[in-house]
Amino acid sequence: MPDMKYSDDEIARRYSSIENYPSVNKAAIREIIYFLAEEISRNTYLNIMAQYHPCHKSFQFPLLDRPVTREEFLEAVNMAPRQGPKSLDRVSPPTARAMFL
């Protein structure tokens, strides 16, 4: 299951001391999505998850101390069929209650 923590080089360096994380991570996820769409089927299900919730040291960093917003989640859901598999698994945006648990 691919995971993307950061899409910004500076943020990846600041919070995880990782160089080139976004470009390497995007290439890996692109390869996985391409593989699903082209080698398996564009009808393969893709599950976009919104379960991130801040914990432990993330509360010390304003950019990390919040869950995924409804808008961010819907942006990913709307982008996914244009980029890879056409079928999304039961998509539901985060609710206000889930965002603050």
PDB file of N, CA and C in Angstrom:
ATOM      1  N   MET A   1       0.842  -1.155   0.000  1.00  0.00           N
ATOM      2  CA  MET A   1       0.000   0.000   0.000  1.00  0.00           C
ATOM      3  C   MET A   1       0.903   1.239   0.000  1.00  0.00           C
ATOM      4  N   PRO A   2       0.814   2.042  -1.046  1.00  0.00           N
ATOM      5  CA  PRO A   2       1.662   3.238  -1.088  1.00  0.00           C
ATOM      6  C   PRO A   2       1.222   4.264  -0.053  1.00  0.00           C
ATOM      7  N   ASP A   3       2.168   5.004   0.417  1.00  0.00           N
ATOM      8  CA  ASP A   3       1.925   6.013   1.438  1.00  0.00           C
ATOM      9  C   ASP A   3       2.702   7.263   1.051  1.00  0.00           C
ATOM     10  N   MET A   4       2.070   8.412   1.181  1.00  0.00           N
ATOM     11  CA  MET A   4       2.772   9.665   0.894  1.00  0.00           C
ATOM     12  C   MET A   4       2.629  10.579   2.106  1.00  0.00           C
ATOM     13  N   LYS A   5       3.737  10.873   2.716  1.00  0.00           N
ATOM     14  CA  LYS A   5       3.722  11.723   3.895  1.00  0.00           C
ATOM     15  C   LYS A   5       3.895  13.196   3.550  1.00  0.00           C
ATOM     16  N   TYR A   6       4.736  13.511   2.585  1.00  0.00           N
ATOM     17  CA  TYR A   6       5.038  14.901   2.243  1.00  0.00           C
ATOM     18  C   TYR A   6       5.080  15.072   0.727  1.00  0.00           C
ATOM     19  N   SER A   7       4.707  16.254   0.273  1.00  0.00           N
ATOM     20  CA  SER A   7       4.848  16.572  -1.150  1.00  0.00           C
ATOM     21  C   SER A   7       5.732  17.798  -1.333  1.00  0.00           C
ATOM     22  N   ASP A   8       6.470  18.147  -0.304  1.00  0.00           N
ATOM     23  CA  ASP A   8       7.325  19.323  -0.328  1.00  0.00           C
ATOM     24  C   ASP A   8       8.704  18.945   0.236  1.00  0.00           C
ATOM     25  N   ASP A   9       9.764  19.254  -0.521  1.00  0.00           N
ATOM     26  CA  ASP A   9      11.127  18.902  -0.092  1.00  0.00           C
ATOM     27  C   ASP A   9      11.504  19.495   1.258  1.00  0.00           C
ATOM     28  N   GLU A  10      11.207  20.763   1.445  1.00  0.00           N
ATOM     29  CA  GLU A  10      11.580  21.448   2.690  1.00  0.00           C
ATOM     30  C   GLU A  10      10.882  20.815   3.892  1.00  0.00           C
ATOM     31  N   ILE A  11       9.612  20.510   3.742  1.00  0.00           N
ATOM     32  CA  ILE A  11       8.857  19.894   4.844  1.00  0.00           C
ATOM     33  C   ILE A  11       9.408  18.500   5.153  1.00  0.00           C
ATOM     34  N   ALA A  12       9.725  17.722   4.119  1.00  0.00           N
ATOM     35  CA  ALA A  12      10.301  16.384   4.335  1.00  0.00           C
ATOM     36  C   ALA A  12      11.630  16.476   5.074  1.00  0.00           C
ATOM     37  N   ARG A  13      12.463  17.450   4.699  1.00  0.00           N
ATOM     38  CA  ARG A  13      13.748  17.643   5.391  1.00  0.00           C
ATOM     39  C   ARG A  13      13.522  18.065   6.835  1.00  0.00           C
ATOM     40  N   ARG A  14      12.612  19.001   7.043  1.00  0.00           N
ATOM     41  CA  ARG A  14      12.380  19.544   8.378  1.00  0.00           C
ATOM     42  C   ARG A  14      11.831  18.497   9.343  1.00  0.00           C
ATOM     43  N   TYR A  15      10.841  17.718   8.899  1.00  0.00           N
ATOM     44  CA  TYR A  15      10.157  16.817   9.822  1.00  0.00           C
ATOM     45  C   TYR A  15      10.710  15.400   9.857  1.00  0.00           C
ATOM     46  N   SER A  16      11.392  14.981   8.809  1.00  0.00           N
ATOM     47  CA  SER A  16      11.891  13.600   8.776  1.00  0.00           C
ATOM     48  C   SER A  16      13.342  13.479   8.345  1.00  0.00           C
ATOM     49  N   SER A  17      14.016  14.595   8.136  1.00  0.00           N
ATOM     50  CA  SER A  17      15.418  14.588   7.717  1.00  0.00           C
ATOM     51  C   SER A  17      15.641  13.735   6.467  1.00  0.00           C
ATOM     52  N   ILE A  18      14.720  13.838   5.521  1.00  0.00           N
ATOM     53  CA  ILE A  18      14.790  13.053   4.295  1.00  0.00           C
ATOM     54  C   ILE A  18      15.019  13.984   3.110  1.00  0.00           C
ATOM     55  N   GLU A  19      16.017  13.661   2.290  1.00  0.00           N
ATOM     56  CA  GLU A  19      16.297  14.416   1.068  1.00  0.00           C
ATOM     57  C   GLU A  19      15.540  13.792  -0.095  1.00  0.00           C
ATOM     58  N   ASN A  20      15.016  14.609  -0.977  1.00  0.00           N
ATOM     59  CA  ASN A  20      14.354  14.162  -2.215  1.00  0.00           C
ATOM     60  C   ASN A  20      13.145  13.260  -1.987  1.00  0.00           C
ATOM     61  N   TYR A  21      12.558  13.291  -0.822  1.00  0.00           N
ATOM     62  CA  TYR A  21      11.417  12.411  -0.533  1.00  0.00           C
ATOM     63  C   TYR A  21      10.281  12.586  -1.534  1.00  0.00           C
ATOM     64  N   PRO A  22       9.811  13.812  -1.795  1.00  0.00           N
ATOM     65  CA  PRO A  22       8.661  13.937  -2.702  1.00  0.00           C
ATOM     66  C   PRO A  22       8.901  13.362  -4.090  1.00  0.00           C
ATOM     67  N   SER A  23      10.038  13.645  -4.693  1.00  0.00           N
ATOM     68  CA  SER A  23      10.264  13.153  -6.056  1.00  0.00           C
ATOM     69  C   SER A  23      10.398  11.630  -6.087  1.00  0.00           C
ATOM     70  N   VAL A  24      11.082  11.055  -5.119  1.00  0.00           N
ATOM     71  CA  VAL A  24      11.233   9.596  -5.073  1.00  0.00           C
ATOM     72  C   VAL A  24       9.891   8.942  -4.760  1.00  0.00           C
ATOM     73  N   ASN A  25       9.164   9.499  -3.797  1.00  0.00           N
ATOM     74  CA  ASN A  25       7.870   8.945  -3.418  1.00  0.00           C
ATOM     75  C   ASN A  25       6.860   9.051  -4.556  1.00  0.00           C
ATOM     76  N   LYS A  26       6.810  10.201  -5.219  1.00  0.00           N
ATOM     77  CA  LYS A  26       5.870  10.372  -6.344  1.00  0.00           C
ATOM     78  C   LYS A  26       6.181   9.387  -7.463  1.00  0.00           C
ATOM     79  N   ALA A  27       7.452   9.162  -7.748  1.00  0.00           N
ATOM     80  CA  ALA A  27       7.828   8.204  -8.789  1.00  0.00           C
ATOM     81  C   ALA A  27       7.378   6.793  -8.411  1.00  0.00           C
ATOM     82  N   ALA A  28       7.536   6.432  -7.142  1.00  0.00           N
ATOM     83  CA  ALA A  28       7.136   5.099  -6.688  1.00  0.00           C
ATOM     84  C   ALA A  28       5.619   4.936  -6.767  1.00  0.00           C
ATOM     85  N   ILE A  29       4.879   5.921  -6.321  1.00  0.00           N
ATOM     86  CA  ILE A  29       3.418   5.835  -6.373  1.00  0.00           C
ATOM     87  C   ILE A  29       2.932   5.858  -7.816  1.00  0.00           C
ATOM     88  N   ARG A  30       3.547   6.694  -8.648  1.00  0.00           N
ATOM     89  CA  ARG A  30       3.182   6.740 -10.067  1.00  0.00           C
ATOM     90  C   ARG A  30       3.368   5.359 -10.704  1.00  0.00           C
ATOM     91  N   GLU A  31       4.464   4.696 -10.372  1.00  0.00           N
ATOM     92  CA  GLU A  31       4.731   3.364 -10.913  1.00  0.00           C
ATOM     93  C   GLU A  31       3.669   2.377 -10.451  1.00  0.00           C
ATOM     94  N   ILE A  32       3.292   2.433  -9.159  1.00  0.00           N
ATOM     95  CA  ILE A  32       2.258   1.525  -8.630  1.00  0.00           C
ATOM     96  C   ILE A  32       0.930   1.785  -9.306  1.00  0.00           C
ATOM     97  N   ILE A  33       0.528   3.063  -9.462  1.00  0.00           N
ATOM     98  CA  ILE A  33      -0.749   3.413 -10.091  1.00  0.00           C
ATOM     99  C   ILE A  33      -0.730   2.994 -11.558  1.00  0.00           C
ATOM    100  N   TYR A  34       0.379   3.266 -12.249  1.00  0.00           N
ATOM    101  CA  TYR A  34       0.511   2.865 -13.647  1.00  0.00           C
ATOM    102  C   TYR A  34       0.382   1.346 -13.763  1.00  0.00           C
ATOM    103  N   PHE A  35       1.061   0.635 -12.880  1.00  0.00           N
ATOM    104  CA  PHE A  35       1.006  -0.826 -12.906  1.00  0.00           C
ATOM    105  C   PHE A  35      -0.431  -1.307 -12.756  1.00  0.00           C
ATOM    106  N   LEU A  36      -1.161  -0.759 -11.804  1.00  0.00           N
ATOM    107  CA  LEU A  36      -2.552  -1.170 -11.611  1.00  0.00           C
ATOM    108  C   LEU A  36      -3.399  -0.888 -12.848  1.00  0.00           C
ATOM    109  N   ALA A  37      -3.253   0.313 -13.393  1.00  0.00           N
ATOM    110  CA  ALA A  37      -4.080   0.712 -14.532  1.00  0.00           C
ATOM    111  C   ALA A  37      -3.707  -0.022 -15.810  1.00  0.00           C
ATOM    112  N   GLU A  38      -2.424  -0.159 -16.086  1.00  0.00           N
ATOM    113  CA  GLU A  38      -1.984  -0.708 -17.364  1.00  0.00           C
ATOM    114  C   GLU A  38      -1.743  -2.217 -17.350  1.00  0.00           C
ATOM    115  N   GLU A  39      -1.258  -2.737 -16.246  1.00  0.00           N
ATOM    116  CA  GLU A  39      -0.912  -4.155 -16.197  1.00  0.00           C
ATOM    117  C   GLU A  39      -2.021  -5.025 -15.603  1.00  0.00           C
ATOM    118  N   ILE A  40      -2.849  -4.452 -14.755  1.00  0.00           N
ATOM    119  CA  ILE A  40      -3.951  -5.208 -14.165  1.00  0.00           C
ATOM    120  C   ILE A  40      -5.235  -4.829 -14.919  1.00  0.00           C
ATOM    121  N   SER A  41      -5.774  -3.655 -14.618  1.00  0.00           N
ATOM    122  CA  SER A  41      -6.974  -3.178 -15.311  1.00  0.00           C
ATOM    123  C   SER A  41      -7.289  -1.771 -14.822  1.00  0.00           C
ATOM    124  N   ARG A  42      -7.779  -0.925 -15.729  1.00  0.00           N
ATOM    125  CA  ARG A  42      -8.228   0.403 -15.302  1.00  0.00           C
ATOM    126  C   ARG A  42      -9.507   0.296 -14.480  1.00  0.00           C
ATOM    127  N   ASN A  43     -10.082  -0.890 -14.399  1.00  0.00           N
ATOM    128  CA  ASN A  43     -11.259  -1.126 -13.560  1.00  0.00           C
ATOM    129  C   ASN A  43     -10.881  -1.628 -12.172  1.00  0.00           C
ATOM    130  N   THR A  44      -9.589  -1.741 -11.910  1.00  0.00           N
ATOM    131  CA  THR A  44      -9.117  -2.134 -10.586  1.00  0.00           C
ATOM    132  C   THR A  44      -9.525  -1.075  -9.572  1.00  0.00           C
ATOM    133  N   TYR A  45      -9.900  -1.507  -8.392  1.00  0.00           N
ATOM    134  CA  TYR A  45     -10.316  -0.561  -7.360  1.00  0.00           C
ATOM    135  C   TYR A  45      -9.118   0.127  -6.716  1.00  0.00           C
ATOM    136  N   LEU A  46      -9.295   1.382  -6.446  1.00  0.00           N
ATOM    137  CA  LEU A  46      -8.304   2.194  -5.758  1.00  0.00           C
ATOM    138  C   LEU A  46      -8.979   2.746  -4.509  1.00  0.00           C
ATOM    139  N   ASN A  47      -8.330   2.630  -3.384  1.00  0.00           N
ATOM    140  CA  ASN A  47      -8.890   3.107  -2.128  1.00  0.00           C
ATOM    141  C   ASN A  47      -8.073   4.303  -1.646  1.00  0.00           C
ATOM    142  N   ILE A  48      -8.699   5.461  -1.608  1.00  0.00           N
ATOM    143  CA  ILE A  48      -8.048   6.661  -1.085  1.00  0.00           C
ATOM    144  C   ILE A  48      -8.530   6.839   0.342  1.00  0.00           C
ATOM    145  N   MET A  49      -7.583   6.874   1.257  1.00  0.00           N
ATOM    146  CA  MET A  49      -7.930   6.877   2.672  1.00  0.00           C
ATOM    147  C   MET A  49      -7.697   8.247   3.308  1.00  0.00           C
ATOM    148  N   ALA A  50      -8.557   8.573   4.235  1.00  0.00           N
ATOM    149  CA  ALA A  50      -8.470   9.868   4.910  1.00  0.00           C
ATOM    150  C   ALA A  50      -8.280   9.694   6.407  1.00  0.00           C
ATOM    151  N   GLN A  51      -7.643   8.607   6.814  1.00  0.00           N
ATOM    152  CA  GLN A  51      -7.589   8.303   8.237  1.00  0.00           C
ATOM    153  C   GLN A  51      -6.471   8.983   9.021  1.00  0.00           C
ATOM    154  N   TYR A  52      -5.609   9.762   8.366  1.00  0.00           N
ATOM    155  CA  TYR A  52      -4.528  10.396   9.122  1.00  0.00           C
ATOM    156  C   TYR A  52      -5.098  11.201  10.289  1.00  0.00           C
ATOM    157  N   HIS A  53      -4.515  11.008  11.434  1.00  0.00           N
ATOM    158  CA  HIS A  53      -4.850  11.847  12.586  1.00  0.00           C
ATOM    159  C   HIS A  53      -3.558  12.150  13.326  1.00  0.00           C
ATOM    160  N   PRO A  54      -3.409  13.383  13.747  1.00  0.00           N
ATOM    161  CA  PRO A  54      -2.165  13.771  14.417  1.00  0.00           C
ATOM    162  C   PRO A  54      -2.014  13.074  15.768  1.00  0.00           C
ATOM    163  N   CYS A  55      -0.778  12.758  16.097  1.00  0.00           N
ATOM    164  CA  CYS A  55      -0.482  12.163  17.395  1.00  0.00           C
ATOM    165  C   CYS A  55       0.987  12.404  17.732  1.00  0.00           C
ATOM    166  N   HIS A  56       1.366  12.059  18.917  1.00  0.00           N
ATOM    167  CA  HIS A  56       2.728  12.143  19.423  1.00  0.00           C
ATOM    168  C   HIS A  56       3.332  13.529  19.158  1.00  0.00           C
ATOM    169  N   LYS A  57       4.432  13.606  18.471  1.00  0.00           N
ATOM    170  CA  LYS A  57       5.126  14.873  18.285  1.00  0.00           C
ATOM    171  C   LYS A  57       4.523  15.756  17.193  1.00  0.00           C
ATOM    172  N   SER A  58       3.572  15.238  16.435  1.00  0.00           N
ATOM    173  CA  SER A  58       2.998  16.045  15.352  1.00  0.00           C
ATOM    174  C   SER A  58       2.316  17.303  15.883  1.00  0.00           C
ATOM    175  N   PHE A  59       1.859  17.285  17.121  1.00  0.00           N
ATOM    176  CA  PHE A  59       1.203  18.468  17.686  1.00  0.00           C
ATOM    177  C   PHE A  59       2.165  19.639  17.876  1.00  0.00           C
ATOM    178  N   GLN A  60       3.445  19.383  17.808  1.00  0.00           N
ATOM    179  CA  GLN A  60       4.449  20.444  17.941  1.00  0.00           C
ATOM    180  C   GLN A  60       4.643  21.217  16.636  1.00  0.00           C
ATOM    181  N   PHE A  61       4.044  20.714  15.534  1.00  0.00           N
ATOM    182  CA  PHE A  61       4.250  21.307  14.215  1.00  0.00           C
ATOM    183  C   PHE A  61       2.913  21.682  13.580  1.00  0.00           C
ATOM    184  N   PRO A  62       2.673  22.972  13.388  1.00  0.00           N
ATOM    185  CA  PRO A  62       1.381  23.416  12.853  1.00  0.00           C
ATOM    186  C   PRO A  62       0.974  22.750  11.535  1.00  0.00           C
ATOM    187  N   LEU A  63       1.915  22.439  10.671  1.00  0.00           N
ATOM    188  CA  LEU A  63       1.561  21.819   9.394  1.00  0.00           C
ATOM    189  C   LEU A  63       1.161  20.352   9.533  1.00  0.00           C
ATOM    190  N   LEU A  64       1.482  19.741  10.664  1.00  0.00           N
ATOM    191  CA  LEU A  64       1.192  18.319  10.855  1.00  0.00           C
ATOM    192  C   LEU A  64       0.125  18.059  11.914  1.00  0.00           C
ATOM    193  N   ASP A  65      -0.309  19.085  12.611  1.00  0.00           N
ATOM    194  CA  ASP A  65      -1.178  18.857  13.767  1.00  0.00           C
ATOM    195  C   ASP A  65      -2.672  18.904  13.440  1.00  0.00           C
ATOM    196  N   ARG A  66      -3.031  18.490  12.232  1.00  0.00           N
ATOM    197  CA  ARG A  66      -4.442  18.454  11.856  1.00  0.00           C
ATOM    198  C   ARG A  66      -4.703  17.269  10.940  1.00  0.00           C
ATOM    199  N   PRO A  67      -5.929  16.768  10.929  1.00  0.00           N
ATOM    200  CA  PRO A  67      -6.261  15.677  10.014  1.00  0.00           C
ATOM    201  C   PRO A  67      -6.443  16.192   8.587  1.00  0.00           C
ATOM    202  N   VAL A  68      -6.643  15.292   7.669  1.00  0.00           N
ATOM    203  CA  VAL A  68      -6.914  15.639   6.281  1.00  0.00           C
ATOM    204  C   VAL A  68      -8.258  16.362   6.221  1.00  0.00           C
ATOM    205  N   THR A  69      -8.305  17.445   5.467  1.00  0.00           N
ATOM    206  CA  THR A  69      -9.576  18.169   5.340  1.00  0.00           C
ATOM    207  C   THR A  69     -10.463  17.497   4.301  1.00  0.00           C
ATOM    208  N   ARG A  70     -11.727  17.785   4.373  1.00  0.00           N
ATOM    209  CA  ARG A  70     -12.687  17.286   3.385  1.00  0.00           C
ATOM    210  C   ARG A  70     -12.262  17.712   1.976  1.00  0.00           C
ATOM    211  N   GLU A  71     -11.838  18.963   1.840  1.00  0.00           N
ATOM    212  CA  GLU A  71     -11.429  19.488   0.535  1.00  0.00           C
ATOM    213  C   GLU A  71     -10.203  18.753  -0.008  1.00  0.00           C
ATOM    214  N   GLU A  72      -9.225  18.490   0.848  1.00  0.00           N
ATOM    215  CA  GLU A  72      -8.024  17.762   0.417  1.00  0.00           C
ATOM    216  C   GLU A  72      -8.380  16.352  -0.039  1.00  0.00           C
ATOM    217  N   PHE A  73      -9.228  15.700   0.724  1.00  0.00           N
ATOM    218  CA  PHE A  73      -9.646  14.351   0.383  1.00  0.00           C
ATOM    219  C   PHE A  73     -10.379  14.329  -0.957  1.00  0.00           C
ATOM    220  N   LEU A  74     -11.331  15.241  -1.136  1.00  0.00           N
ATOM    221  CA  LEU A  74     -12.095  15.278  -2.379  1.00  0.00           C
ATOM    222  C   LEU A  74     -11.219  15.634  -3.576  1.00  0.00           C
ATOM    223  N   GLU A  75     -10.202  16.448  -3.367  1.00  0.00           N
ATOM    224  CA  GLU A  75      -9.262  16.760  -4.441  1.00  0.00           C
ATOM    225  C   GLU A  75      -8.547  15.490  -4.906  1.00  0.00           C
ATOM    226  N   ALA A  76      -8.113  14.667  -3.964  1.00  0.00           N
ATOM    227  CA  ALA A  76      -7.441  13.406  -4.312  1.00  0.00           C
ATOM    228  C   ALA A  76      -8.403  12.455  -5.019  1.00  0.00           C
ATOM    229  N   VAL A  77      -9.628  12.383  -4.533  1.00  0.00           N
ATOM    230  CA  VAL A  77     -10.630  11.507  -5.141  1.00  0.00           C
ATOM    231  C   VAL A  77     -10.928  11.943  -6.572  1.00  0.00           C
ATOM    232  N   ASN A  78     -11.055  13.236  -6.796  1.00  0.00           N
ATOM    233  CA  ASN A  78     -11.355  13.741  -8.139  1.00  0.00           C
ATOM    234  C   ASN A  78     -10.184  13.574  -9.093  1.00  0.00           C
ATOM    235  N   MET A  79      -8.969  13.602  -8.582  1.00  0.00           N
ATOM    236  CA  MET A  79      -7.791  13.475  -9.413  1.00  0.00           C
ATOM    237  C   MET A  79      -7.518  12.017  -9.795  1.00  0.00           C
ATOM    238  N   ALA A  80      -7.816  11.091  -8.925  1.00  0.00           N
ATOM    239  CA  ALA A  80      -7.438   9.692  -9.117  1.00  0.00           C
ATOM    240  C   ALA A  80      -7.912   9.074 -10.432  1.00  0.00           C
ATOM    241  N   PRO A  81      -9.170   9.187 -10.833  1.00  0.00           N
ATOM    242  CA  PRO A  81      -9.596   8.532 -12.079  1.00  0.00           C
ATOM    243  C   PRO A  81      -8.910   9.089 -13.325  1.00  0.00           C
ATOM    244  N   ARG A  82      -8.458  10.326 -13.272  1.00  0.00           N
ATOM    245  CA  ARG A  82      -7.750  10.900 -14.420  1.00  0.00           C
ATOM    246  C   ARG A  82      -6.340  10.340 -14.529  1.00  0.00           C
ATOM    247  N   GLN A  83      -5.785   9.868 -13.424  1.00  0.00           N
ATOM    248  CA  GLN A  83      -4.401   9.436 -13.392  1.00  0.00           C
ATOM    249  C   GLN A  83      -4.211   7.925 -13.435  1.00  0.00           C
ATOM    250  N   GLY A  84      -5.210   7.174 -13.081  1.00  0.00           N
ATOM    251  CA  GLY A  84      -4.991   5.729 -12.986  1.00  0.00           C
ATOM    252  C   GLY A  84      -6.278   4.952 -13.032  1.00  0.00           C
ATOM    253  N   PRO A  85      -6.432   3.998 -12.130  1.00  0.00           N
ATOM    254  CA  PRO A  85      -7.629   3.159 -12.126  1.00  0.00           C
ATOM    255  C   PRO A  85      -8.904   4.005 -12.058  1.00  0.00           C
ATOM    256  N   LYS A  86      -9.940   3.530 -12.731  1.00  0.00           N
ATOM    257  CA  LYS A  86     -11.189   4.280 -12.837  1.00  0.00           C
ATOM    258  C   LYS A  86     -12.161   4.019 -11.697  1.00  0.00           C
ATOM    259  N   SER A  87     -11.951   2.963 -10.928  1.00  0.00           N
ATOM    260  CA  SER A  87     -12.903   2.596  -9.881  1.00  0.00           C
ATOM    261  C   SER A  87     -12.349   2.936  -8.508  1.00  0.00           C
ATOM    262  N   LEU A  88     -13.121   3.689  -7.766  1.00  0.00           N
ATOM    263  CA  LEU A  88     -12.731   4.018  -6.396  1.00  0.00           C
ATOM    264  C   LEU A  88     -13.566   3.193  -5.435  1.00  0.00           C
ATOM    265  N   ASP A  89     -12.935   2.692  -4.404  1.00  0.00           N
ATOM    266  CA  ASP A  89     -13.608   1.895  -3.403  1.00  0.00           C
ATOM    267  C   ASP A  89     -14.393   2.814  -2.477  1.00  0.00           C
ATOM    268  N   ARG A  90     -15.658   2.571  -2.305  1.00  0.00           N
ATOM    269  CA  ARG A  90     -16.556   3.317  -1.403  1.00  0.00           C
ATOM    270  C   ARG A  90     -15.939   4.569  -0.799  1.00  0.00           C
ATOM    271  N   VAL A  91     -16.015   5.612  -1.538  1.00  0.00           N
ATOM    272  CA  VAL A  91     -15.383   6.869  -1.150  1.00  0.00           C
ATOM    273  C   VAL A  91     -16.302   7.654  -0.227  1.00  0.00           C
ATOM    274  N   SER A  92     -15.767   8.073   0.895  1.00  0.00           N
ATOM    275  CA  SER A  92     -16.513   8.976   1.763  1.00  0.00           C
ATOM    276  C   SER A  92     -15.528   9.945   2.395  1.00  0.00           C
ATOM    277  N   PRO A  93     -15.791  11.230   2.241  1.00  0.00           N
ATOM    278  CA  PRO A  93     -14.883  12.233   2.802  1.00  0.00           C
ATOM    279  C   PRO A  93     -14.913  12.206   4.317  1.00  0.00           C
ATOM    280  N   PRO A  94     -13.869  12.725   4.922  1.00  0.00           N
ATOM    281  CA  PRO A  94     -13.851  12.783   6.383  1.00  0.00           C
ATOM    282  C   PRO A  94     -14.988  13.655   6.885  1.00  0.00           C
ATOM    283  N   THR A  95     -15.568  13.267   7.987  1.00  0.00           N
ATOM    284  CA  THR A  95     -16.633  14.069   8.590  1.00  0.00           C
ATOM    285  C   THR A  95     -16.017  14.961   9.657  1.00  0.00           C
ATOM    286  N   ALA A  96     -16.768  15.932  10.068  1.00  0.00           N
ATOM    287  CA  ALA A  96     -16.271  16.842  11.107  1.00  0.00           C
ATOM    288  C   ALA A  96     -15.925  16.046  12.359  1.00  0.00           C
ATOM    289  N   ARG A  97     -16.768  15.079  12.725  1.00  0.00           N
ATOM    290  CA  ARG A  97     -16.505  14.279  13.920  1.00  0.00           C
ATOM    291  C   ARG A  97     -15.213  13.476  13.754  1.00  0.00           C
ATOM    292  N   ALA A  98     -15.044  12.816  12.611  1.00  0.00           N
ATOM    293  CA  ALA A  98     -13.864  11.993  12.390  1.00  0.00           C
ATOM    294  C   ALA A  98     -12.602  12.848  12.341  1.00  0.00           C
ATOM    295  N   MET A  99     -12.743  14.081  11.884  1.00  0.00           N
ATOM    296  CA  MET A  99     -11.579  14.940  11.759  1.00  0.00           C
ATOM    297  C   MET A  99     -10.989  15.327  13.108  1.00  0.00           C
ATOM    298  N   PHE A 100     -11.788  15.267  14.161  1.00  0.00           N
ATOM    299  CA  PHE A 100     -11.296  15.739  15.444  1.00  0.00           C
ATOM    300  C   PHE A 100     -11.215  14.641  16.496  1.00  0.00           C
ATOM    301  N   LEU A 101     -11.311  13.392  16.096  1.00  0.00           N
ATOM    302  CA  LEU A 101     -11.157  12.285  17.050  1.00  0.00           C
ATOM    303  C   LEU A 101      -9.709  11.989  17.296  1.00  0.00           C
TER     304      LEU A 101
END
